[in-house]
Amino acid sequence: MKFLSELIENTPVRELLGDAGVRIEALIYDSRAVVPGACFFAVAGTRCDGHDFIPAAIEKGAAAIVCSRRPETLAAGIVCVVVDDPAGAMADMAAAFYDHPSRSLKLVGVTGTNGKTTTATLLYDLVRALGHKAGLISTVVYKIDERTVESTHTTPDPVRLNAMMREMADAGCEYCFMECSSHAIVQERIRGLHFAGGLFSNITHDHLDYHKTFAAYIKAKQSFFDALPADAFALTNVDDRNGRIMVQNSAAKVYAYSLRSMADFQCKIVEQHLDGMLLRIDGCEVWVALPGRFNAYNLLSVYGAARLLGFGRDEVLRVLSALRPVAGRFEIVRAENGTTAVVDYAHTPDALENVIRTIEEIRTPGQQLLVVCGCGGDRDRTKRPEMAAIAVKYASTAIFTSDNPRHESPEAILDEMVAGLDPAVRYLRIADRAEAIRTAVMLSRPGDILLVAGKGHEDYQIVGDEKRHFDDREQVRKAFETLG
């Protein structure tokens, strides 16, 4: 419980109607979840406007309303806080409500198009292996030290975010590693948090359905680094052409990592195999169980961040060699006949090409590469033909299928994927994802490599508004059992 006056102390308020001394029991932005004594935030979303639900929130017992438009009528005893940005105010007030938990943690944010989940998770695994308690906020899972919490968004809303960080701090966690999605940055979900550091992985075309232009997408990511405090570090991938742009206005201490040029942290791939690779980092060779150039970047950023957090070179390299792949990221499933399936979350053109190139560097002459991939519905449509073009460029056989169609027709999505392909190019299109995986396995020969891309760790498929159980790894294992 907090007094409203405490919560709005550092929030820009345009107008206050009523007594700021009212007691606030909870912070709520969904009118259906309002409880007596709650403060309701009228946030305008993409589909509906929270201002329309102010009467419902008051009826359920809200003690205060935060909004950007003064209600025409306001029930007696209800306090109204008028602000320019209710979403931003919610982030400020959530931090205050939970006593600014990020200040009790060494919070490191990871942003970029690809590699966020792997990097954040490996950092969490690394510091815990070094004997420290830590929290994790990722696309796959949320962790409060050893306790697992279901992940609903890459970066949750600020109320849940601060509530979890309070639990982390109270549980004795010293560190928290968090994915910072572009949506979360723009929607100010991470506003009011104190970061000890930020990592930039890379940026390629994605989420243009939301940001509309690539420039706006870049600006969203850049604003994360613009907001870092002077006592934080900003670690950027200078091999990405936008790597230096990301940190050019940051007040934080800037460091660089690279596989190709001089940088604060450098790495070279000595050799690689399907089950791992040998890296040279800081002049030392270390075997890691994650294959691929993209993972070399992920591991180098993990190494750099760990060093900047104060850990020693030798102890970090020792733990790096023991780290294991993140669920659904280049996850290997093997059949008895020697066929290998790689299940990966790659759902952008760049990520798909990175995974395929890794396989290309490893596979031997005579091994076929079969690729199963699709594109999600209600998402960036510009990447659909790019994904198809990449698949047919490298694959012996490309099979296009359904991903999470959501409110779009799977066949219409497939039409857009194959629209730009040369008519002479051979491919299969099978909308039923389970059938597409079975077909790929059936077409494989002993020793071949099968890539199933797009869903990775997800154990569901979204059709309309329904979440149906579907796990690529389960489907691959089931199909492998039929090989005999």
Protein backbone atom coordinates (compact mmCIF):
# COMPACT_ATOMS: atom_id res chain seq x y z
CA MET A 1 0.00 0.00 0.00
CA LYS A 2 1.16 3.52 -0.83
CA PHE A 3 -0.37 6.98 -0.68
CA LEU A 4 -1.09 8.47 -4.10
CA SER A 5 1.01 11.51 -3.19
CA GLU A 6 4.07 9.23 -2.86
CA LEU A 7 3.44 7.62 -6.24
CA ILE A 8 3.10 10.84 -8.23
CA GLU A 9 6.03 12.59 -6.58
CA ASN A 10 8.26 12.12 -9.64
CA THR A 11 5.51 11.96 -12.27
CA PRO A 12 4.68 15.03 -14.40
CA VAL A 13 1.06 15.86 -13.47
CA ARG A 14 -0.98 18.30 -15.53
CA GLU A 15 -3.98 18.45 -13.20
CA LEU A 16 -4.93 16.83 -9.89
CA LEU A 17 -8.61 16.53 -8.98
CA GLY A 18 -9.19 15.33 -5.43
CA ASP A 19 -7.10 14.37 -2.43
CA ALA A 20 -3.65 12.92 -3.24
CA GLY A 21 -3.58 11.50 0.29
CA VAL A 22 -5.77 8.58 -0.76
CA ARG A 23 -4.37 5.09 -0.11
CA ILE A 24 -3.62 2.98 -3.19
CA GLU A 25 -3.79 -0.79 -2.83
CA ALA A 26 -2.91 -1.83 -6.41
CA LEU A 27 -1.98 -0.48 -9.84
CA ILE A 28 -4.25 -1.72 -12.64
CA TYR A 29 -4.59 -0.93 -16.35
CA ASP A 30 -7.23 -3.59 -17.18
CA SER A 31 -10.63 -2.49 -15.85
CA ARG A 32 -11.67 -6.15 -15.46
CA ALA A 33 -8.94 -6.64 -12.86
CA VAL A 34 -9.74 -3.56 -10.76
CA VAL A 35 -10.02 -4.17 -7.01
CA PRO A 36 -11.24 -1.76 -4.32
CA GLY A 37 -8.60 0.88 -3.62
CA ALA A 38 -6.84 0.42 -6.95
CA CYS A 39 -5.41 3.13 -9.15
CA PHE A 40 -6.66 2.62 -12.70
CA PHE A 41 -4.57 3.77 -15.66
CA ALA A 42 -6.52 4.76 -18.78
CA VAL A 43 -3.93 3.74 -21.35
CA ALA A 44 -4.74 4.00 -25.06
CA GLY A 45 -3.85 0.71 -26.78
CA THR A 46 -3.80 -0.41 -30.39
CA ARG A 47 -7.28 -1.90 -30.22
CA CYS A 48 -9.08 0.03 -27.47
CA ASP A 49 -8.76 3.13 -25.31
CA GLY A 50 -8.61 2.78 -21.53
CA HIS A 51 -10.56 6.05 -21.15
CA ASP A 52 -13.66 4.16 -22.33
CA PHE A 53 -13.40 1.90 -19.28
CA ILE A 54 -13.08 4.56 -16.58
CA PRO A 55 -16.75 4.17 -15.50
CA ALA A 56 -16.29 0.39 -15.20
CA ALA A 57 -13.13 0.85 -13.14
CA ILE A 58 -14.89 3.27 -10.77
CA GLU A 59 -17.85 0.91 -10.45
CA LYS A 60 -15.48 -1.87 -9.33
CA GLY A 61 -13.98 0.29 -6.61
CA ALA A 62 -11.06 2.21 -8.12
CA ALA A 63 -9.87 4.93 -5.73
CA ALA A 64 -7.95 6.93 -8.33
CA ILE A 65 -7.81 7.34 -12.08
CA VAL A 66 -4.77 8.32 -14.15
CA CYS A 67 -5.75 9.60 -17.59
CA SER A 68 -4.81 12.07 -20.30
CA ARG A 69 -8.35 13.41 -20.82
CA ARG A 70 -10.35 14.76 -17.89
CA PRO A 71 -13.58 12.75 -17.55
CA GLU A 72 -16.80 14.67 -18.18
CA THR A 73 -18.19 13.43 -14.87
CA LEU A 74 -16.34 12.06 -11.89
CA ALA A 75 -17.95 10.29 -8.94
CA ALA A 76 -17.53 11.88 -5.53
CA GLY A 77 -14.42 10.74 -3.67
CA ILE A 78 -12.61 9.52 -6.79
CA VAL A 79 -9.23 11.16 -7.34
CA CYS A 80 -8.28 11.96 -10.93
CA VAL A 81 -4.68 12.52 -12.02
CA VAL A 82 -4.45 14.08 -15.50
CA VAL A 83 -1.12 13.51 -17.25
CA ASP A 84 0.17 13.80 -20.80
CA ASP A 85 1.25 10.14 -20.93
CA PRO A 86 -0.64 7.59 -18.80
CA ALA A 87 1.62 4.72 -19.94
CA GLY A 88 4.72 6.61 -18.84
CA ALA A 89 3.05 7.63 -15.58
CA MET A 90 2.21 3.98 -14.92
CA ALA A 91 5.90 3.06 -15.28
CA ASP A 92 6.99 5.88 -12.95
CA MET A 93 4.35 5.03 -10.38
CA ALA A 94 4.99 1.27 -10.58
CA ALA A 95 8.65 1.85 -9.74
CA ALA A 96 7.63 3.99 -6.75
CA PHE A 97 4.90 1.55 -5.64
CA TYR A 98 7.47 -1.26 -5.36
CA ASP A 99 10.18 0.98 -3.84
CA HIS A 100 12.36 1.18 -6.97
CA PRO A 101 13.55 -2.44 -6.95
CA SER A 102 15.87 -1.99 -9.96
CA ARG A 103 18.09 0.19 -7.77
CA SER A 104 18.76 -2.87 -5.59
CA LEU A 105 19.84 -4.97 -8.60
CA LYS A 106 22.54 -4.78 -11.22
CA LEU A 107 20.06 -4.65 -14.10
CA VAL A 108 21.36 -5.34 -17.62
CA GLY A 109 19.09 -4.85 -20.63
CA VAL A 110 19.63 -6.68 -23.92
CA THR A 111 18.16 -5.25 -27.12
CA GLY A 112 18.45 -5.93 -30.84
CA THR A 113 16.57 -7.98 -33.42
CA ASN A 114 18.19 -11.38 -32.89
CA GLY A 115 20.06 -12.98 -30.01
CA LYS A 116 18.29 -11.25 -27.12
CA THR A 117 16.93 -14.40 -25.49
CA THR A 118 20.16 -16.37 -25.83
CA THR A 119 22.30 -13.52 -24.51
CA ALA A 120 20.08 -12.71 -21.52
CA THR A 121 19.66 -16.38 -20.61
CA LEU A 122 23.36 -17.19 -20.88
CA LEU A 123 24.20 -14.20 -18.67
CA TYR A 124 21.70 -15.47 -16.09
CA ASP A 125 23.18 -18.98 -16.27
CA LEU A 126 26.73 -17.63 -16.07
CA VAL A 127 26.37 -15.48 -12.95
CA ARG A 128 24.45 -18.22 -11.17
CA ALA A 129 27.21 -20.69 -12.05
CA LEU A 130 29.60 -18.20 -10.47
CA GLY A 131 27.65 -18.39 -7.23
CA HIS A 132 25.39 -15.35 -7.43
CA LYS A 133 21.60 -15.10 -7.28
CA ALA A 134 19.99 -13.57 -10.36
CA GLY A 135 16.73 -12.90 -12.13
CA LEU A 136 15.82 -13.34 -15.81
CA ILE A 137 13.13 -11.71 -17.92
CA SER A 138 13.02 -13.24 -21.40
CA THR A 139 10.75 -14.33 -24.23
CA VAL A 140 10.97 -17.94 -23.05
CA VAL A 141 10.67 -17.66 -19.27
CA TYR A 142 10.90 -15.36 -16.27
CA LYS A 143 13.14 -16.46 -13.39
CA ILE A 144 13.29 -15.20 -9.81
CA ASP A 145 16.51 -16.91 -8.79
CA GLU A 146 15.53 -20.60 -9.09
CA ARG A 147 11.77 -20.03 -9.32
CA THR A 148 10.19 -20.11 -12.75
CA VAL A 149 7.35 -17.76 -13.72
CA GLU A 150 5.42 -18.10 -16.98
CA SER A 151 6.51 -15.64 -19.64
CA THR A 152 3.69 -13.70 -21.31
CA HIS A 153 5.65 -11.01 -23.18
CA THR A 154 9.29 -10.51 -24.10
CA THR A 155 9.19 -7.52 -21.73
CA PRO A 156 6.16 -7.44 -19.40
CA ASP A 157 4.13 -4.38 -18.43
CA PRO A 158 5.78 -2.04 -15.89
CA VAL A 159 3.58 -3.12 -12.98
CA ARG A 160 4.44 -6.79 -13.37
CA LEU A 161 8.03 -5.90 -14.20
CA ASN A 162 8.57 -3.92 -11.00
CA ALA A 163 6.65 -6.48 -8.95
CA MET A 164 8.96 -9.25 -10.18
CA MET A 165 12.06 -7.17 -9.58
CA ARG A 166 10.86 -6.49 -6.04
CA GLU A 167 10.57 -10.26 -5.57
CA MET A 168 14.08 -10.68 -7.00
CA ALA A 169 15.56 -8.09 -4.66
CA ASP A 170 13.72 -9.56 -1.67
CA ALA A 171 14.98 -13.03 -2.62
CA GLY A 172 18.56 -11.78 -2.48
CA CYS A 173 19.19 -11.52 -6.21
CA GLU A 174 22.16 -9.33 -7.10
CA TYR A 175 21.60 -9.26 -10.85
CA CYS A 176 18.75 -9.19 -13.36
CA PHE A 177 19.11 -9.77 -17.08
CA MET A 178 16.25 -8.59 -19.24
CA GLU A 179 15.30 -8.58 -22.90
CA CYS A 180 14.16 -5.11 -23.93
CA SER A 181 11.92 -5.36 -26.98
CA SER A 182 11.32 -2.38 -29.25
CA HIS A 183 7.61 -2.50 -28.36
CA ALA A 184 8.46 -2.26 -24.65
CA ILE A 185 10.83 0.65 -25.22
CA VAL A 186 8.30 2.67 -27.26
CA GLN A 187 5.45 1.82 -24.88
CA GLU A 188 7.63 2.96 -21.95
CA ARG A 189 7.39 -0.33 -20.07
CA ILE A 190 11.02 0.03 -18.92
CA ARG A 191 10.76 3.71 -17.98
CA GLY A 192 11.82 4.43 -14.42
CA LEU A 193 14.19 1.46 -14.20
CA HIS A 194 17.84 1.95 -13.27
CA PHE A 195 20.12 0.01 -15.62
CA ALA A 196 23.69 -0.97 -14.79
CA GLY A 197 24.30 -1.74 -18.46
CA GLY A 198 22.85 -2.30 -21.91
CA LEU A 199 23.80 -4.67 -24.75
CA PHE A 200 23.11 -4.27 -28.46
CA SER A 201 23.16 -7.44 -30.59
CA ASN A 202 22.16 -6.43 -34.12
CA ILE A 203 19.29 -4.92 -36.05
CA THR A 204 17.52 -6.15 -39.17
CA HIS A 205 14.04 -5.66 -40.62
CA ASP A 206 11.40 -6.79 -38.14
CA HIS A 207 8.23 -5.50 -36.48
CA LEU A 208 7.56 -3.07 -39.33
CA ASP A 209 3.88 -3.87 -38.85
CA TYR A 210 4.21 -1.91 -35.60
CA HIS A 211 6.97 0.65 -36.23
CA LYS A 212 6.00 1.22 -39.91
CA THR A 213 9.53 2.19 -41.01
CA PHE A 214 13.00 0.76 -40.41
CA ALA A 215 14.16 4.21 -39.29
CA ALA A 216 11.49 4.23 -36.55
CA TYR A 217 12.54 0.73 -35.50
CA ILE A 218 16.18 1.84 -35.21
CA LYS A 219 15.14 4.94 -33.27
CA ALA A 220 13.20 2.78 -30.80
CA LYS A 221 16.26 0.65 -30.06
CA GLN A 222 18.54 3.70 -29.93
CA SER A 223 16.33 5.42 -27.35
CA PHE A 224 17.13 2.63 -24.90
CA PHE A 225 20.82 3.58 -25.00
CA ASP A 226 19.99 7.30 -24.99
CA ALA A 227 18.30 6.79 -21.62
CA LEU A 228 21.14 4.87 -19.93
CA PRO A 229 22.69 6.74 -16.99
CA ALA A 230 26.31 7.89 -16.94
CA ASP A 231 27.29 5.20 -14.43
CA ALA A 232 26.11 2.40 -16.75
CA PHE A 233 27.92 0.63 -19.58
CA ALA A 234 26.74 0.31 -23.18
CA LEU A 235 28.19 -2.70 -25.03
CA THR A 236 27.60 -2.66 -28.77
CA ASN A 237 28.27 -4.95 -31.73
CA VAL A 238 30.36 -2.81 -34.08
CA ASP A 239 30.20 -5.45 -36.82
CA ASP A 240 26.57 -4.42 -37.28
CA ARG A 241 26.40 -1.30 -39.45
CA ASN A 242 24.11 0.38 -36.92
CA GLY A 243 26.15 -0.69 -33.91
CA ARG A 244 27.89 2.66 -33.40
CA ILE A 245 24.74 4.63 -34.20
CA MET A 246 22.96 2.90 -31.33
CA VAL A 247 25.29 4.37 -28.72
CA GLN A 248 26.31 7.67 -30.30
CA ASN A 249 24.14 9.75 -27.93
CA SER A 250 24.46 7.58 -24.86
CA ALA A 251 25.74 9.05 -21.60
CA ALA A 252 26.89 5.56 -20.58
CA LYS A 253 30.48 4.34 -20.93
CA VAL A 254 30.61 2.77 -24.41
CA TYR A 255 32.41 -0.50 -25.18
CA ALA A 256 32.54 -2.48 -28.41
CA TYR A 257 32.73 -6.16 -29.35
CA SER A 258 33.62 -7.64 -32.72
CA LEU A 259 34.56 -10.77 -34.66
CA ARG A 260 36.01 -8.77 -37.54
CA SER A 261 37.81 -5.67 -36.27
CA MET A 262 39.59 -4.05 -33.35
CA ALA A 263 37.33 -3.74 -30.32
CA ASP A 264 37.34 -3.88 -26.54
CA PHE A 265 36.26 -7.52 -26.74
CA GLN A 266 37.28 -9.69 -29.69
CA CYS A 267 36.65 -13.26 -30.74
CA LYS A 268 37.73 -15.63 -33.51
CA ILE A 269 36.11 -18.91 -34.54
CA VAL A 270 38.88 -21.51 -34.70
CA GLU A 271 36.70 -24.45 -35.73
CA GLN A 272 33.03 -25.40 -35.53
CA HIS A 273 30.86 -28.49 -35.53
CA LEU A 274 27.16 -29.23 -35.22
CA ASP A 275 27.46 -29.64 -31.45
CA GLY A 276 29.74 -26.69 -30.71
CA MET A 277 32.82 -24.69 -31.69
CA LEU A 278 36.27 -23.66 -30.59
CA LEU A 279 36.64 -19.92 -29.97
CA ARG A 280 39.60 -17.69 -29.22
CA ILE A 281 38.51 -14.95 -26.83
CA ASP A 282 40.98 -12.52 -25.28
CA GLY A 283 43.83 -14.72 -26.52
CA CYS A 284 42.45 -17.87 -24.85
CA GLU A 285 40.90 -20.84 -26.62
CA VAL A 286 37.63 -22.15 -25.21
CA TRP A 287 35.26 -24.89 -26.43
CA VAL A 288 31.58 -23.93 -26.28
CA ALA A 289 28.53 -26.11 -26.80
CA LEU A 290 26.74 -23.58 -29.01
CA PRO A 291 27.54 -23.67 -32.75
CA GLY A 292 27.40 -20.90 -35.31
CA ARG A 293 28.77 -17.46 -36.00
CA PHE A 294 25.65 -15.84 -34.52
CA ASN A 295 26.33 -17.69 -31.27
CA ALA A 296 29.93 -16.51 -31.34
CA TYR A 297 28.53 -12.96 -31.24
CA ASN A 298 26.11 -13.91 -28.44
CA LEU A 299 28.85 -15.51 -26.37
CA LEU A 300 31.26 -12.63 -26.95
CA SER A 301 28.65 -10.14 -25.74
CA VAL A 302 28.04 -12.34 -22.69
CA TYR A 303 31.79 -12.43 -22.03
CA GLY A 304 32.08 -8.66 -22.43
CA ALA A 305 29.12 -7.93 -20.17
CA ALA A 306 30.40 -10.31 -17.49
CA ARG A 307 33.81 -8.62 -17.55
CA LEU A 308 32.17 -5.18 -17.31
CA LEU A 309 30.19 -6.43 -14.31
CA GLY A 310 33.50 -7.15 -12.62
CA PHE A 311 34.06 -10.86 -13.17
CA GLY A 312 37.56 -12.13 -14.00
CA ARG A 313 38.61 -13.43 -17.42
CA ASP A 314 39.50 -16.98 -16.38
CA GLU A 315 36.37 -17.60 -14.32
CA VAL A 316 34.12 -16.29 -17.10
CA LEU A 317 35.81 -18.44 -19.77
CA ARG A 318 35.58 -21.49 -17.53
CA VAL A 319 31.82 -21.07 -17.16
CA LEU A 320 31.31 -20.20 -20.84
CA SER A 321 32.63 -23.64 -21.75
CA ALA A 322 29.96 -25.26 -19.56
CA LEU A 323 26.96 -23.26 -20.81
CA ARG A 324 24.32 -25.07 -22.85
CA PRO A 325 22.00 -23.87 -25.64
CA VAL A 326 18.77 -22.08 -24.79
CA ALA A 327 15.55 -24.02 -25.45
CA GLY A 328 14.47 -23.72 -29.07
CA ARG A 329 17.67 -21.98 -30.17
CA PHE A 330 19.62 -24.32 -32.49
CA GLU A 331 18.20 -27.21 -30.46
CA ILE A 332 19.30 -30.59 -31.81
CA VAL A 333 16.97 -33.60 -32.18
CA ARG A 334 18.56 -36.75 -33.62
CA ALA A 335 17.01 -39.80 -35.26
CA GLU A 336 18.40 -43.33 -34.90
CA ASN A 337 19.31 -43.40 -38.60
CA GLY A 338 21.66 -40.43 -38.23
CA THR A 339 19.30 -37.71 -39.49
CA THR A 340 19.62 -34.52 -37.46
CA ALA A 341 16.91 -31.94 -36.93
CA VAL A 342 17.70 -28.39 -35.83
CA VAL A 343 14.76 -26.60 -34.19
CA ASP A 344 15.28 -22.85 -34.06
CA TYR A 345 13.25 -19.74 -33.28
CA ALA A 346 14.58 -17.96 -36.40
CA HIS A 347 11.60 -15.91 -37.58
CA THR A 348 13.32 -13.02 -39.37
CA PRO A 349 15.22 -13.15 -42.68
CA ASP A 350 18.52 -12.38 -40.99
CA ALA A 351 18.05 -15.00 -38.28
CA LEU A 352 17.01 -17.65 -40.80
CA GLU A 353 20.03 -16.94 -42.99
CA ASN A 354 22.36 -17.01 -39.98
CA VAL A 355 21.11 -20.43 -38.91
CA ILE A 356 21.25 -21.84 -42.44
CA ARG A 357 24.75 -20.48 -43.01
CA THR A 358 25.88 -22.12 -39.79
CA ILE A 359 24.54 -25.45 -41.04
CA GLU A 360 26.16 -24.84 -44.45
CA GLU A 361 29.55 -24.34 -42.81
CA ILE A 362 29.19 -27.60 -40.89
CA ARG A 363 27.43 -30.05 -43.20
CA THR A 364 29.46 -32.47 -45.26
CA PRO A 365 29.20 -33.20 -49.02
CA GLY A 366 26.22 -35.40 -49.75
CA GLN A 367 24.18 -34.23 -46.75
CA GLN A 368 20.89 -32.71 -47.84
CA LEU A 369 19.49 -29.68 -46.04
CA LEU A 370 15.71 -29.65 -45.77
CA VAL A 371 14.14 -26.42 -44.49
CA VAL A 372 10.65 -26.07 -43.02
CA CYS A 373 9.59 -22.49 -42.30
CA GLY A 374 6.65 -20.12 -42.33
CA CYS A 375 5.67 -16.60 -41.32
CA GLY A 376 3.34 -15.40 -38.57
CA GLY A 377 0.02 -13.76 -39.28
CA ASP A 378 -0.81 -10.18 -38.21
CA ARG A 379 2.92 -9.40 -38.31
CA ASP A 380 5.43 -7.71 -40.60
CA ARG A 381 4.43 -8.80 -44.13
CA THR A 382 7.52 -7.38 -45.85
CA LYS A 383 9.71 -10.22 -44.59
CA ARG A 384 7.56 -13.02 -46.05
CA PRO A 385 9.07 -13.11 -49.57
CA GLU A 386 12.55 -12.59 -48.07
CA MET A 387 12.16 -15.64 -45.84
CA ALA A 388 11.06 -17.79 -48.79
CA ALA A 389 13.91 -16.55 -50.99
CA ILE A 390 16.49 -17.42 -48.33
CA ALA A 391 15.05 -20.90 -47.80
CA VAL A 392 15.11 -21.85 -51.49
CA LYS A 393 18.57 -20.31 -51.93
CA TYR A 394 20.20 -22.76 -49.53
CA ALA A 395 17.89 -25.74 -49.09
CA SER A 396 17.94 -28.98 -51.04
CA THR A 397 14.20 -28.97 -50.33
CA ALA A 398 12.24 -26.02 -48.95
CA ILE A 399 8.81 -26.60 -47.43
CA PHE A 400 6.69 -23.55 -46.61
CA THR A 401 4.07 -23.98 -43.94
CA SER A 402 1.95 -22.26 -41.32
CA ASP A 403 3.55 -20.55 -38.32
CA ASN A 404 1.15 -18.70 -36.00
CA PRO A 405 -1.48 -17.60 -38.55
CA ARG A 406 -3.49 -15.65 -35.94
CA HIS A 407 -6.26 -13.83 -37.84
CA GLU A 408 -4.89 -14.38 -41.34
CA SER A 409 -5.48 -17.23 -43.75
CA PRO A 410 -2.47 -19.63 -43.77
CA GLU A 411 -2.81 -20.03 -47.51
CA ALA A 412 -2.81 -16.25 -48.03
CA ILE A 413 0.39 -15.98 -45.99
CA LEU A 414 1.97 -18.70 -48.12
CA ASP A 415 0.86 -16.86 -51.27
CA GLU A 416 2.80 -13.80 -50.11
CA MET A 417 5.85 -15.88 -49.22
CA VAL A 418 6.17 -17.47 -52.65
CA ALA A 419 4.96 -14.49 -54.70
CA GLY A 420 8.44 -13.31 -55.65
CA LEU A 421 10.03 -16.70 -56.32
CA ASP A 422 11.23 -17.67 -59.78
CA PRO A 423 8.59 -19.99 -61.31
CA ALA A 424 11.38 -22.46 -62.05
CA VAL A 425 12.28 -22.79 -58.36
CA ARG A 426 11.01 -25.98 -56.77
CA TYR A 427 9.46 -25.94 -53.31
CA LEU A 428 6.58 -27.49 -51.40
CA ARG A 429 3.82 -25.62 -49.61
CA ILE A 430 1.95 -27.53 -46.92
CA ALA A 431 -0.18 -25.34 -44.66
CA ASP A 432 -0.55 -28.02 -41.98
CA ARG A 433 2.67 -27.61 -39.94
CA ALA A 434 2.63 -31.16 -38.53
CA GLU A 435 2.21 -32.56 -42.03
CA ALA A 436 5.02 -30.32 -43.33
CA ILE A 437 7.40 -31.67 -40.67
CA ARG A 438 6.36 -35.27 -41.39
CA THR A 439 6.94 -34.70 -45.10
CA ALA A 440 10.40 -33.25 -44.51
CA VAL A 441 11.35 -36.26 -42.38
CA MET A 442 9.95 -38.63 -44.99
CA LEU A 443 11.99 -36.95 -47.74
CA SER A 444 15.19 -37.03 -45.69
CA ARG A 445 17.90 -39.64 -46.11
CA PRO A 446 20.02 -41.08 -43.29
CA GLY A 447 22.53 -38.44 -42.22
CA ASP A 448 20.65 -35.46 -43.67
CA ILE A 449 19.99 -32.22 -41.76
CA LEU A 450 16.48 -30.88 -41.26
CA LEU A 451 15.90 -27.28 -40.12
CA VAL A 452 12.51 -26.49 -38.59
CA ALA A 453 12.49 -22.72 -38.13
CA GLY A 454 10.21 -20.05 -36.72
CA LYS A 455 8.72 -21.31 -33.46
CA GLY A 456 11.64 -22.72 -31.48
CA HIS A 457 10.69 -22.97 -27.80
CA GLU A 458 7.00 -22.24 -28.38
CA ASP A 459 4.71 -25.14 -27.47
CA TYR A 460 1.64 -23.64 -29.07
CA GLN A 461 0.22 -22.40 -32.36
CA ILE A 462 -2.03 -19.33 -32.44
CA VAL A 463 -5.01 -19.72 -34.77
CA GLY A 464 -7.42 -16.80 -34.53
CA ASP A 465 -7.54 -16.01 -30.82
CA GLU A 466 -7.01 -19.65 -29.84
CA LYS A 467 -3.72 -21.05 -28.52
CA ARG A 468 -3.45 -24.69 -29.58
CA HIS A 469 -0.78 -27.02 -28.25
CA PHE A 470 1.94 -27.51 -30.86
CA ASP A 471 5.63 -28.18 -30.28
CA ASP A 472 8.05 -28.50 -33.21
CA ARG A 473 10.36 -30.69 -31.12
CA GLU A 474 7.54 -33.10 -30.26
CA GLN A 475 6.46 -33.25 -33.90
CA VAL A 476 10.01 -33.96 -35.08
CA ARG A 477 10.49 -36.77 -32.54
CA LYS A 478 7.14 -38.27 -33.48
CA ALA A 479 8.04 -38.17 -37.18
CA PHE A 480 11.48 -39.66 -36.51
CA GLU A 481 9.82 -42.66 -34.82
CA THR A 482 8.24 -43.58 -38.16
CA LEU A 483 11.61 -43.91 -39.88
CA GLY A 484 12.14 -47.39 -38.37
